[in-house]
Amino acid sequence: IIAIVSSIIKGSNYRTPNMAMPISPFK
């Protein structure tokens, strides 16, 4: 989770509109 948080923030500026993030809630 910590790795994903760091990664999605780091890649935020390269994210195009409607591009999904690897966030998966408790299923």
mmCIF file of all heavy atoms, coordinates in Angstrom:
data_MODEL
# 
_entry.id   MODEL 
# 
loop_
_atom_site.group_PDB 
_atom_site.id 
_atom_site.type_symbol 
_atom_site.label_atom_id 
_atom_site.label_alt_id 
_atom_site.label_comp_id 
_atom_site.label_asym_id 
_atom_site.label_entity_id 
_atom_site.label_seq_id 
_atom_site.pdbx_PDB_ins_code 
_atom_site.Cartn_x 
_atom_site.Cartn_y 
_atom_site.Cartn_z 
_atom_site.occupancy 
_atom_site.B_iso_or_equiv 
_atom_site.pdbx_formal_charge 
_atom_site.auth_seq_id 
_atom_site.auth_comp_id 
_atom_site.auth_asym_id 
_atom_site.auth_atom_id 
_atom_site.pdbx_PDB_model_num 
ATOM 1   N N   . ILE A 1 1  ? 0.830   -1.202 0.000   1.00 0.00 ? 1  ILE A N   1 
ATOM 2   C CA  . ILE A 1 1  ? 0.000   0.000  0.000   1.00 0.00 ? 1  ILE A CA  1 
ATOM 3   C C   . ILE A 1 1  ? 0.865   1.254  0.000   1.00 0.00 ? 1  ILE A C   1 
ATOM 4   O O   . ILE A 1 1  ? 0.621   2.199  -0.757  1.00 0.00 ? 1  ILE A O   1 
ATOM 5   C CB  . ILE A 1 1  ? -0.955  -0.012 1.209   1.00 0.00 ? 1  ILE A CB  1 
ATOM 6   C CG1 . ILE A 1 1  ? -2.014  -1.101 1.032   1.00 0.00 ? 1  ILE A CG1 1 
ATOM 7   C CG2 . ILE A 1 1  ? -1.620  1.348  1.394   1.00 0.00 ? 1  ILE A CG2 1 
ATOM 8   C CD1 . ILE A 1 1  ? -2.805  -1.391 2.299   1.00 0.00 ? 1  ILE A CD1 1 
ATOM 9   N N   . ILE A 1 2  ? 1.891   1.275  0.851   1.00 0.00 ? 2  ILE A N   1 
ATOM 10  C CA  . ILE A 1 2  ? 2.788   2.431  0.902   1.00 0.00 ? 2  ILE A CA  1 
ATOM 11  C C   . ILE A 1 2  ? 3.490   2.614  -0.438  1.00 0.00 ? 2  ILE A C   1 
ATOM 12  O O   . ILE A 1 2  ? 3.638   3.739  -0.928  1.00 0.00 ? 2  ILE A O   1 
ATOM 13  C CB  . ILE A 1 2  ? 3.806   2.269  2.047   1.00 0.00 ? 2  ILE A CB  1 
ATOM 14  C CG1 . ILE A 1 2  ? 3.076   2.218  3.395   1.00 0.00 ? 2  ILE A CG1 1 
ATOM 15  C CG2 . ILE A 1 2  ? 4.821   3.415  2.035   1.00 0.00 ? 2  ILE A CG2 1 
ATOM 16  C CD1 . ILE A 1 2  ? 3.983   1.902  4.571   1.00 0.00 ? 2  ILE A CD1 1 
ATOM 17  N N   . ALA A 1 3  ? 3.902   1.513  -1.056  1.00 0.00 ? 3  ALA A N   1 
ATOM 18  C CA  . ALA A 1 3  ? 4.554   1.576  -2.363  1.00 0.00 ? 3  ALA A CA  1 
ATOM 19  C C   . ALA A 1 3  ? 3.605   2.124  -3.419  1.00 0.00 ? 3  ALA A C   1 
ATOM 20  O O   . ALA A 1 3  ? 3.998   2.945  -4.267  1.00 0.00 ? 3  ALA A O   1 
ATOM 21  C CB  . ALA A 1 3  ? 5.064   0.194  -2.767  1.00 0.00 ? 3  ALA A CB  1 
ATOM 22  N N   . ILE A 1 4  ? 2.344   1.689  -3.395  1.00 0.00 ? 4  ILE A N   1 
ATOM 23  C CA  . ILE A 1 4  ? 1.357   2.161  -4.362  1.00 0.00 ? 4  ILE A CA  1 
ATOM 24  C C   . ILE A 1 4  ? 1.084   3.645  -4.177  1.00 0.00 ? 4  ILE A C   1 
ATOM 25  O O   . ILE A 1 4  ? 1.012   4.405  -5.156  1.00 0.00 ? 4  ILE A O   1 
ATOM 26  C CB  . ILE A 1 4  ? 0.057   1.338  -4.252  1.00 0.00 ? 4  ILE A CB  1 
ATOM 27  C CG1 . ILE A 1 4  ? 0.294   -0.084 -4.762  1.00 0.00 ? 4  ILE A CG1 1 
ATOM 28  C CG2 . ILE A 1 4  ? -1.081  2.007  -5.029  1.00 0.00 ? 4  ILE A CG2 1 
ATOM 29  C CD1 . ILE A 1 4  ? -0.875  -1.028 -4.514  1.00 0.00 ? 4  ILE A CD1 1 
ATOM 30  N N   . VAL A 1 5  ? 0.923   4.086  -2.935  1.00 0.00 ? 5  VAL A N   1 
ATOM 31  C CA  . VAL A 1 5  ? 0.697   5.501  -2.654  1.00 0.00 ? 5  VAL A CA  1 
ATOM 32  C C   . VAL A 1 5  ? 1.836   6.350  -3.214  1.00 0.00 ? 5  VAL A C   1 
ATOM 33  O O   . VAL A 1 5  ? 1.613   7.353  -3.888  1.00 0.00 ? 5  VAL A O   1 
ATOM 34  C CB  . VAL A 1 5  ? 0.534   5.740  -1.139  1.00 0.00 ? 5  VAL A CB  1 
ATOM 35  C CG1 . VAL A 1 5  ? 0.607   7.238  -0.812  1.00 0.00 ? 5  VAL A CG1 1 
ATOM 36  C CG2 . VAL A 1 5  ? -0.789  5.169  -0.649  1.00 0.00 ? 5  VAL A CG2 1 
ATOM 37  N N   . SER A 1 6  ? 3.059   5.937  -2.951  1.00 0.00 ? 6  SER A N   1 
ATOM 38  C CA  . SER A 1 6  ? 4.216   6.662  -3.459  1.00 0.00 ? 6  SER A CA  1 
ATOM 39  C C   . SER A 1 6  ? 4.222   6.688  -4.985  1.00 0.00 ? 6  SER A C   1 
ATOM 40  O O   . SER A 1 6  ? 4.477   7.713  -5.615  1.00 0.00 ? 6  SER A O   1 
ATOM 41  C CB  . SER A 1 6  ? 5.506   6.018  -2.937  1.00 0.00 ? 6  SER A CB  1 
ATOM 42  O OG  . SER A 1 6  ? 6.646   6.650  -3.473  1.00 0.00 ? 6  SER A OG  1 
ATOM 43  N N   . SER A 1 7  ? 3.899   5.543  -5.587  1.00 0.00 ? 7  SER A N   1 
ATOM 44  C CA  . SER A 1 7  ? 3.947   5.413  -7.043  1.00 0.00 ? 7  SER A CA  1 
ATOM 45  C C   . SER A 1 7  ? 2.885   6.261  -7.745  1.00 0.00 ? 7  SER A C   1 
ATOM 46  O O   . SER A 1 7  ? 3.173   6.920  -8.745  1.00 0.00 ? 7  SER A O   1 
ATOM 47  C CB  . SER A 1 7  ? 3.777   3.942  -7.430  1.00 0.00 ? 7  SER A CB  1 
ATOM 48  O OG  . SER A 1 7  ? 3.725   3.776  -8.818  1.00 0.00 ? 7  SER A OG  1 
ATOM 49  N N   . ILE A 1 8  ? 1.657   6.254  -7.216  1.00 0.00 ? 8  ILE A N   1 
ATOM 50  C CA  . ILE A 1 8  ? 0.593   6.989  -7.908  1.00 0.00 ? 8  ILE A CA  1 
ATOM 51  C C   . ILE A 1 8  ? 0.773   8.491  -7.775  1.00 0.00 ? 8  ILE A C   1 
ATOM 52  O O   . ILE A 1 8  ? 0.381   9.256  -8.658  1.00 0.00 ? 8  ILE A O   1 
ATOM 53  C CB  . ILE A 1 8  ? -0.815  6.553  -7.441  1.00 0.00 ? 8  ILE A CB  1 
ATOM 54  C CG1 . ILE A 1 8  ? -1.017  6.805  -5.949  1.00 0.00 ? 8  ILE A CG1 1 
ATOM 55  C CG2 . ILE A 1 8  ? -1.084  5.109  -7.797  1.00 0.00 ? 8  ILE A CG2 1 
ATOM 56  C CD1 . ILE A 1 8  ? -2.432  6.463  -5.466  1.00 0.00 ? 8  ILE A CD1 1 
ATOM 57  N N   . ILE A 1 9  ? 1.393   8.929  -6.674  1.00 0.00 ? 9  ILE A N   1 
ATOM 58  C CA  . ILE A 1 9  ? 1.698   10.352 -6.526  1.00 0.00 ? 9  ILE A CA  1 
ATOM 59  C C   . ILE A 1 9  ? 2.847   10.740 -7.463  1.00 0.00 ? 9  ILE A C   1 
ATOM 60  O O   . ILE A 1 9  ? 2.794   11.766 -8.137  1.00 0.00 ? 9  ILE A O   1 
ATOM 61  C CB  . ILE A 1 9  ? 2.023   10.694 -5.065  1.00 0.00 ? 9  ILE A CB  1 
ATOM 62  C CG1 . ILE A 1 9  ? 0.770   10.531 -4.198  1.00 0.00 ? 9  ILE A CG1 1 
ATOM 63  C CG2 . ILE A 1 9  ? 2.558   12.127 -4.946  1.00 0.00 ? 9  ILE A CG2 1 
ATOM 64  C CD1 . ILE A 1 9  ? 1.026   10.668 -2.709  1.00 0.00 ? 9  ILE A CD1 1 
ATOM 65  N N   . LYS A 1 10 ? 3.860   9.888  -7.533  1.00 0.00 ? 10 LYS A N   1 
ATOM 66  C CA  . LYS A 1 10 ? 5.009   10.154 -8.401  1.00 0.00 ? 10 LYS A CA  1 
ATOM 67  C C   . LYS A 1 10 ? 4.593   10.215 -9.868  1.00 0.00 ? 10 LYS A C   1 
ATOM 68  O O   . LYS A 1 10 ? 5.115   11.023 -10.642 1.00 0.00 ? 10 LYS A O   1 
ATOM 69  C CB  . LYS A 1 10 ? 6.083   9.081  -8.192  1.00 0.00 ? 10 LYS A CB  1 
ATOM 70  C CG  . LYS A 1 10 ? 7.403   9.398  -8.865  1.00 0.00 ? 10 LYS A CG  1 
ATOM 71  C CD  . LYS A 1 10 ? 8.476   8.392  -8.455  1.00 0.00 ? 10 LYS A CD  1 
ATOM 72  C CE  . LYS A 1 10 ? 9.843   8.811  -8.994  1.00 0.00 ? 10 LYS A CE  1 
ATOM 73  N NZ  . LYS A 1 10 ? 10.917  7.899  -8.492  1.00 0.00 ? 10 LYS A NZ  1 
ATOM 74  N N   . GLY A 1 11 ? 3.659   9.352  -10.264 1.00 0.00 ? 11 GLY A N   1 
ATOM 75  C CA  . GLY A 1 11 ? 3.228   9.318  -11.663 1.00 0.00 ? 11 GLY A CA  1 
ATOM 76  C C   . GLY A 1 11 ? 2.057   10.224 -11.981 1.00 0.00 ? 11 GLY A C   1 
ATOM 77  O O   . GLY A 1 11 ? 1.558   10.225 -13.111 1.00 0.00 ? 11 GLY A O   1 
ATOM 78  N N   . SER A 1 12 ? 1.614   11.010 -11.023 1.00 0.00 ? 12 SER A N   1 
ATOM 79  C CA  . SER A 1 12 ? 0.417   11.823 -11.187 1.00 0.00 ? 12 SER A CA  1 
ATOM 80  C C   . SER A 1 12 ? 0.509   12.784 -12.361 1.00 0.00 ? 12 SER A C   1 
ATOM 81  O O   . SER A 1 12 ? -0.445  12.933 -13.137 1.00 0.00 ? 12 SER A O   1 
ATOM 82  C CB  . SER A 1 12 ? 0.132   12.600 -9.901  1.00 0.00 ? 12 SER A CB  1 
ATOM 83  O OG  . SER A 1 12 ? -0.995  13.454 -10.046 1.00 0.00 ? 12 SER A OG  1 
ATOM 84  N N   . ASN A 1 13 ? 1.647   13.440 -12.536 1.00 0.00 ? 13 ASN A N   1 
ATOM 85  C CA  . ASN A 1 13 ? 1.797   14.442 -13.590 1.00 0.00 ? 13 ASN A CA  1 
ATOM 86  C C   . ASN A 1 13 ? 1.798   13.848 -14.991 1.00 0.00 ? 13 ASN A C   1 
ATOM 87  O O   . ASN A 1 13 ? 1.665   14.589 -15.972 1.00 0.00 ? 13 ASN A O   1 
ATOM 88  C CB  . ASN A 1 13 ? 3.067   15.258 -13.350 1.00 0.00 ? 13 ASN A CB  1 
ATOM 89  C CG  . ASN A 1 13 ? 2.965   16.157 -12.119 1.00 0.00 ? 13 ASN A CG  1 
ATOM 90  O OD1 . ASN A 1 13 ? 1.935   16.772 -11.864 1.00 0.00 ? 13 ASN A OD1 1 
ATOM 91  N ND2 . ASN A 1 13 ? 4.031   16.217 -11.324 1.00 0.00 ? 13 ASN A ND2 1 
ATOM 92  N N   . TYR A 1 14 ? 1.955   12.537 -15.084 1.00 0.00 ? 14 TYR A N   1 
ATOM 93  C CA  . TYR A 1 14 ? 1.958   11.875 -16.384 1.00 0.00 ? 14 TYR A CA  1 
ATOM 94  C C   . TYR A 1 14 ? 0.622   11.180 -16.674 1.00 0.00 ? 14 TYR A C   1 
ATOM 95  O O   . TYR A 1 14 ? 0.468   10.564 -17.723 1.00 0.00 ? 14 TYR A O   1 
ATOM 96  C CB  . TYR A 1 14 ? 3.083   10.841 -16.442 1.00 0.00 ? 14 TYR A CB  1 
ATOM 97  C CG  . TYR A 1 14 ? 4.444   11.424 -16.127 1.00 0.00 ? 14 TYR A CG  1 
ATOM 98  C CD1 . TYR A 1 14 ? 4.997   11.285 -14.855 1.00 0.00 ? 14 TYR A CD1 1 
ATOM 99  C CD2 . TYR A 1 14 ? 5.159   12.130 -17.076 1.00 0.00 ? 14 TYR A CD2 1 
ATOM 100 C CE1 . TYR A 1 14 ? 6.232   11.824 -14.552 1.00 0.00 ? 14 TYR A CE1 1 
ATOM 101 C CE2 . TYR A 1 14 ? 6.392   12.678 -16.787 1.00 0.00 ? 14 TYR A CE2 1 
ATOM 102 C CZ  . TYR A 1 14 ? 6.927   12.522 -15.514 1.00 0.00 ? 14 TYR A CZ  1 
ATOM 103 O OH  . TYR A 1 14 ? 8.161   13.061 -15.221 1.00 0.00 ? 14 TYR A OH  1 
ATOM 104 N N   . ARG A 1 15 ? -0.324  11.330 -15.750 1.00 0.00 ? 15 ARG A N   1 
ATOM 105 C CA  . ARG A 1 15 ? -1.587  10.617 -15.887 1.00 0.00 ? 15 ARG A CA  1 
ATOM 106 C C   . ARG A 1 15 ? -2.529  11.408 -16.804 1.00 0.00 ? 15 ARG A C   1 
ATOM 107 O O   . ARG A 1 15 ? -2.780  12.596 -16.596 1.00 0.00 ? 15 ARG A O   1 
ATOM 108 C CB  . ARG A 1 15 ? -2.230  10.418 -14.509 1.00 0.00 ? 15 ARG A CB  1 
ATOM 109 C CG  . ARG A 1 15 ? -3.354  9.372  -14.483 1.00 0.00 ? 15 ARG A CG  1 
ATOM 110 C CD  . ARG A 1 15 ? -3.740  9.018  -13.039 1.00 0.00 ? 15 ARG A CD  1 
ATOM 111 N NE  . ARG A 1 15 ? -2.610  8.402  -12.360 1.00 0.00 ? 15 ARG A NE  1 
ATOM 112 C CZ  . ARG A 1 15 ? -2.072  8.867  -11.253 1.00 0.00 ? 15 ARG A CZ  1 
ATOM 113 N NH1 . ARG A 1 15 ? -2.535  9.960  -10.677 1.00 0.00 ? 15 ARG A NH1 1 
ATOM 114 N NH2 . ARG A 1 15 ? -1.041  8.245  -10.700 1.00 0.00 ? 15 ARG A NH2 1 
ATOM 115 N N   . THR A 1 16 ? -3.056  10.755 -17.817 1.00 0.00 ? 16 THR A N   1 
ATOM 116 C CA  . THR A 1 16 ? -4.004  11.388 -18.717 1.00 0.00 ? 16 THR A CA  1 
ATOM 117 C C   . THR A 1 16 ? -5.414  11.282 -18.148 1.00 0.00 ? 16 THR A C   1 
ATOM 118 O O   . THR A 1 16 ? -5.681  10.427 -17.298 1.00 0.00 ? 16 THR A O   1 
ATOM 119 C CB  . THR A 1 16 ? -3.962  10.730 -20.100 1.00 0.00 ? 16 THR A CB  1 
ATOM 120 O OG1 . THR A 1 16 ? -4.244  9.327  -19.971 1.00 0.00 ? 16 THR A OG1 1 
ATOM 121 C CG2 . THR A 1 16 ? -2.584  10.900 -20.744 1.00 0.00 ? 16 THR A CG2 1 
ATOM 122 N N   . PRO A 1 17 ? -6.345  12.137 -18.595 1.00 0.00 ? 17 PRO A N   1 
ATOM 123 C CA  . PRO A 1 17 ? -7.722  12.042 -18.100 1.00 0.00 ? 17 PRO A CA  1 
ATOM 124 C C   . PRO A 1 17 ? -8.310  10.650 -18.328 1.00 0.00 ? 17 PRO A C   1 
ATOM 125 O O   . PRO A 1 17 ? -8.092  10.025 -19.361 1.00 0.00 ? 17 PRO A O   1 
ATOM 126 C CB  . PRO A 1 17 ? -8.460  13.094 -18.943 1.00 0.00 ? 17 PRO A CB  1 
ATOM 127 C CG  . PRO A 1 17 ? -7.402  14.077 -19.317 1.00 0.00 ? 17 PRO A CG  1 
ATOM 128 C CD  . PRO A 1 17 ? -6.149  13.287 -19.505 1.00 0.00 ? 17 PRO A CD  1 
ATOM 129 N N   . ASN A 1 18 ? -9.024  10.168 -17.317 1.00 0.00 ? 18 ASN A N   1 
ATOM 130 C CA  . ASN A 1 18 ? -9.675  8.844  -17.352 1.00 0.00 ? 18 ASN A CA  1 
ATOM 131 C C   . ASN A 1 18 ? -8.714  7.673  -17.234 1.00 0.00 ? 18 ASN A C   1 
ATOM 132 O O   . ASN A 1 18 ? -9.138  6.515  -17.331 1.00 0.00 ? 18 ASN A O   1 
ATOM 133 C CB  . ASN A 1 18 ? -10.526 8.680  -18.618 1.00 0.00 ? 18 ASN A CB  1 
ATOM 134 C CG  . ASN A 1 18 ? -11.613 9.735  -18.725 1.00 0.00 ? 18 ASN A CG  1 
ATOM 135 O OD1 . ASN A 1 18 ? -12.280 10.067 -17.742 1.00 0.00 ? 18 ASN A OD1 1 
ATOM 136 N ND2 . ASN A 1 18 ? -11.798 10.283 -19.929 1.00 0.00 ? 18 ASN A ND2 1 
ATOM 137 N N   . MET A 1 19 ? -7.431  7.934  -17.028 1.00 0.00 ? 19 MET A N   1 
ATOM 138 C CA  . MET A 1 19 ? -6.479  6.850  -16.789 1.00 0.00 ? 19 MET A CA  1 
ATOM 139 C C   . MET A 1 19 ? -6.652  6.354  -15.361 1.00 0.00 ? 19 MET A C   1 
ATOM 140 O O   . MET A 1 19 ? -6.609  7.131  -14.411 1.00 0.00 ? 19 MET A O   1 
ATOM 141 C CB  . MET A 1 19 ? -5.041  7.311  -17.013 1.00 0.00 ? 19 MET A CB  1 
ATOM 142 C CG  . MET A 1 19 ? -3.991  6.205  -16.824 1.00 0.00 ? 19 MET A CG  1 
ATOM 143 S SD  . MET A 1 19 ? -2.295  6.811  -17.018 1.00 0.00 ? 19 MET A SD  1 
ATOM 144 C CE  . MET A 1 19 ? -2.277  7.091  -18.788 1.00 0.00 ? 19 MET A CE  1 
ATOM 145 N N   . ALA A 1 20 ? -6.862  5.047  -15.202 1.00 0.00 ? 20 ALA A N   1 
ATOM 146 C CA  . ALA A 1 20 ? -7.159  4.479  -13.892 1.00 0.00 ? 20 ALA A CA  1 
ATOM 147 C C   . ALA A 1 20 ? -5.919  4.394  -13.011 1.00 0.00 ? 20 ALA A C   1 
ATOM 148 O O   . ALA A 1 20 ? -4.797  4.259  -13.499 1.00 0.00 ? 20 ALA A O   1 
ATOM 149 C CB  . ALA A 1 20 ? -7.782  3.101  -14.048 1.00 0.00 ? 20 ALA A CB  1 
ATOM 150 N N   . MET A 1 21 ? -6.162  4.464  -11.698 1.00 0.00 ? 21 MET A N   1 
ATOM 151 C CA  . MET A 1 21 ? -5.113  4.270  -10.698 1.00 0.00 ? 21 MET A CA  1 
ATOM 152 C C   . MET A 1 21 ? -5.284  2.903  -10.047 1.00 0.00 ? 21 MET A C   1 
ATOM 153 O O   . MET A 1 21 ? -6.409  2.401  -9.928  1.00 0.00 ? 21 MET A O   1 
ATOM 154 C CB  . MET A 1 21 ? -5.187  5.372  -9.633  1.00 0.00 ? 21 MET A CB  1 
ATOM 155 C CG  . MET A 1 21 ? -4.907  6.758  -10.152 1.00 0.00 ? 21 MET A CG  1 
ATOM 156 S SD  . MET A 1 21 ? -5.068  8.032  -8.866  1.00 0.00 ? 21 MET A SD  1 
ATOM 157 C CE  . MET A 1 21 ? -6.871  8.129  -8.709  1.00 0.00 ? 21 MET A CE  1 
ATOM 158 N N   . PRO A 1 22 ? -4.191  2.276  -9.607  1.00 0.00 ? 22 PRO A N   1 
ATOM 159 C CA  . PRO A 1 22 ? -4.284  0.939  -9.002  1.00 0.00 ? 22 PRO A CA  1 
ATOM 160 C C   . PRO A 1 22 ? -4.769  0.966  -7.553  1.00 0.00 ? 22 PRO A C   1 
ATOM 161 O O   . PRO A 1 22 ? -4.079  0.538  -6.633  1.00 0.00 ? 22 PRO A O   1 
ATOM 162 C CB  . PRO A 1 22 ? -2.841  0.417  -9.103  1.00 0.00 ? 22 PRO A CB  1 
ATOM 163 C CG  . PRO A 1 22 ? -1.999  1.656  -9.000  1.00 0.00 ? 22 PRO A CG  1 
ATOM 164 C CD  . PRO A 1 22 ? -2.787  2.729  -9.731  1.00 0.00 ? 22 PRO A CD  1 
ATOM 165 N N   . ILE A 1 23 ? -5.977  1.478  -7.359  1.00 0.00 ? 23 ILE A N   1 
ATOM 166 C CA  . ILE A 1 23 ? -6.567  1.540  -6.022  1.00 0.00 ? 23 ILE A CA  1 
ATOM 167 C C   . ILE A 1 23 ? -7.685  0.512  -5.945  1.00 0.00 ? 23 ILE A C   1 
ATOM 168 O O   . ILE A 1 23 ? -8.633  0.543  -6.726  1.00 0.00 ? 23 ILE A O   1 
ATOM 169 C CB  . ILE A 1 23 ? -7.083  2.950  -5.710  1.00 0.00 ? 23 ILE A CB  1 
ATOM 170 C CG1 . ILE A 1 23 ? -5.897  3.913  -5.580  1.00 0.00 ? 23 ILE A CG1 1 
ATOM 171 C CG2 . ILE A 1 23 ? -7.913  2.946  -4.428  1.00 0.00 ? 23 ILE A CG2 1 
ATOM 172 C CD1 . ILE A 1 23 ? -6.280  5.334  -5.260  1.00 0.00 ? 23 ILE A CD1 1 
ATOM 173 N N   . SER A 1 24 ? -7.559  -0.401 -4.999  1.00 0.00 ? 24 SER A N   1 
ATOM 174 C CA  . SER A 1 24 ? -8.501  -1.502 -4.862  1.00 0.00 ? 24 SER A CA  1 
ATOM 175 C C   . SER A 1 24 ? -9.062  -1.535 -3.455  1.00 0.00 ? 24 SER A C   1 
ATOM 176 O O   . SER A 1 24 ? -8.350  -1.859 -2.499  1.00 0.00 ? 24 SER A O   1 
ATOM 177 C CB  . SER A 1 24 ? -7.801  -2.836 -5.171  1.00 0.00 ? 24 SER A CB  1 
ATOM 178 O OG  . SER A 1 24 ? -8.690  -3.922 -5.038  1.00 0.00 ? 24 SER A OG  1 
ATOM 179 N N   . PRO A 1 25 ? -10.326 -1.209 -3.255  1.00 0.00 ? 25 PRO A N   1 
ATOM 180 C CA  . PRO A 1 25 ? -10.918 -1.210 -1.913  1.00 0.00 ? 25 PRO A CA  1 
ATOM 181 C C   . PRO A 1 25 ? -11.083 -2.623 -1.375  1.00 0.00 ? 25 PRO A C   1 
ATOM 182 O O   . PRO A 1 25 ? -10.945 -3.611 -2.107  1.00 0.00 ? 25 PRO A O   1 
ATOM 183 C CB  . PRO A 1 25 ? -12.281 -0.550 -2.127  1.00 0.00 ? 25 PRO A CB  1 
ATOM 184 C CG  . PRO A 1 25 ? -12.616 -0.846 -3.562  1.00 0.00 ? 25 PRO A CG  1 
ATOM 185 C CD  . PRO A 1 25 ? -11.303 -0.823 -4.293  1.00 0.00 ? 25 PRO A CD  1 
ATOM 186 N N   . PHE A 1 26 ? -11.382 -2.712 -0.082  1.00 0.00 ? 26 PHE A N   1 
ATOM 187 C CA  . PHE A 1 26 ? -11.640 -3.997 0.553   1.00 0.00 ? 26 PHE A CA  1 
ATOM 188 C C   . PHE A 1 26 ? -12.851 -4.646 -0.108  1.00 0.00 ? 26 PHE A C   1 
ATOM 189 O O   . PHE A 1 26 ? -13.953 -4.075 -0.116  1.00 0.00 ? 26 PHE A O   1 
ATOM 190 C CB  . PHE A 1 26 ? -11.879 -3.786 2.046   1.00 0.00 ? 26 PHE A CB  1 
ATOM 191 C CG  . PHE A 1 26 ? -12.082 -5.052 2.830   1.00 0.00 ? 26 PHE A CG  1 
ATOM 192 C CD1 . PHE A 1 26 ? -11.010 -5.869 3.135   1.00 0.00 ? 26 PHE A CD1 1 
ATOM 193 C CD2 . PHE A 1 26 ? -13.344 -5.424 3.265   1.00 0.00 ? 26 PHE A CD2 1 
ATOM 194 C CE1 . PHE A 1 26 ? -11.194 -7.036 3.869   1.00 0.00 ? 26 PHE A CE1 1 
ATOM 195 C CE2 . PHE A 1 26 ? -13.532 -6.588 3.996   1.00 0.00 ? 26 PHE A CE2 1 
ATOM 196 C CZ  . PHE A 1 26 ? -12.459 -7.392 4.292   1.00 0.00 ? 26 PHE A CZ  1 
ATOM 197 N N   . LYS A 1 27 ? -12.664 -5.838 -0.660  1.00 0.00 ? 27 LYS A N   1 
ATOM 198 C CA  . LYS A 1 27 ? -13.677 -6.446 -1.509  1.00 0.00 ? 27 LYS A CA  1 
ATOM 199 C C   . LYS A 1 27 ? -14.608 -7.410 -0.795  1.00 0.00 ? 27 LYS A C   1 
ATOM 200 O O   . LYS A 1 27 ? -15.594 -7.868 -1.374  1.00 0.00 ? 27 LYS A O   1 
ATOM 201 C CB  . LYS A 1 27 ? -13.005 -7.174 -2.677  1.00 0.00 ? 27 LYS A CB  1 
ATOM 202 C CG  . LYS A 1 27 ? -12.266 -6.261 -3.634  1.00 0.00 ? 27 LYS A CG  1 
ATOM 203 C CD  . LYS A 1 27 ? -11.641 -7.032 -4.768  1.00 0.00 ? 27 LYS A CD  1 
ATOM 204 C CE  . LYS A 1 27 ? -10.941 -6.094 -5.745  1.00 0.00 ? 27 LYS A CE  1 
ATOM 205 N NZ  . LYS A 1 27 ? -10.313 -6.846 -6.867  1.00 0.00 ? 27 LYS A NZ  1 
# 
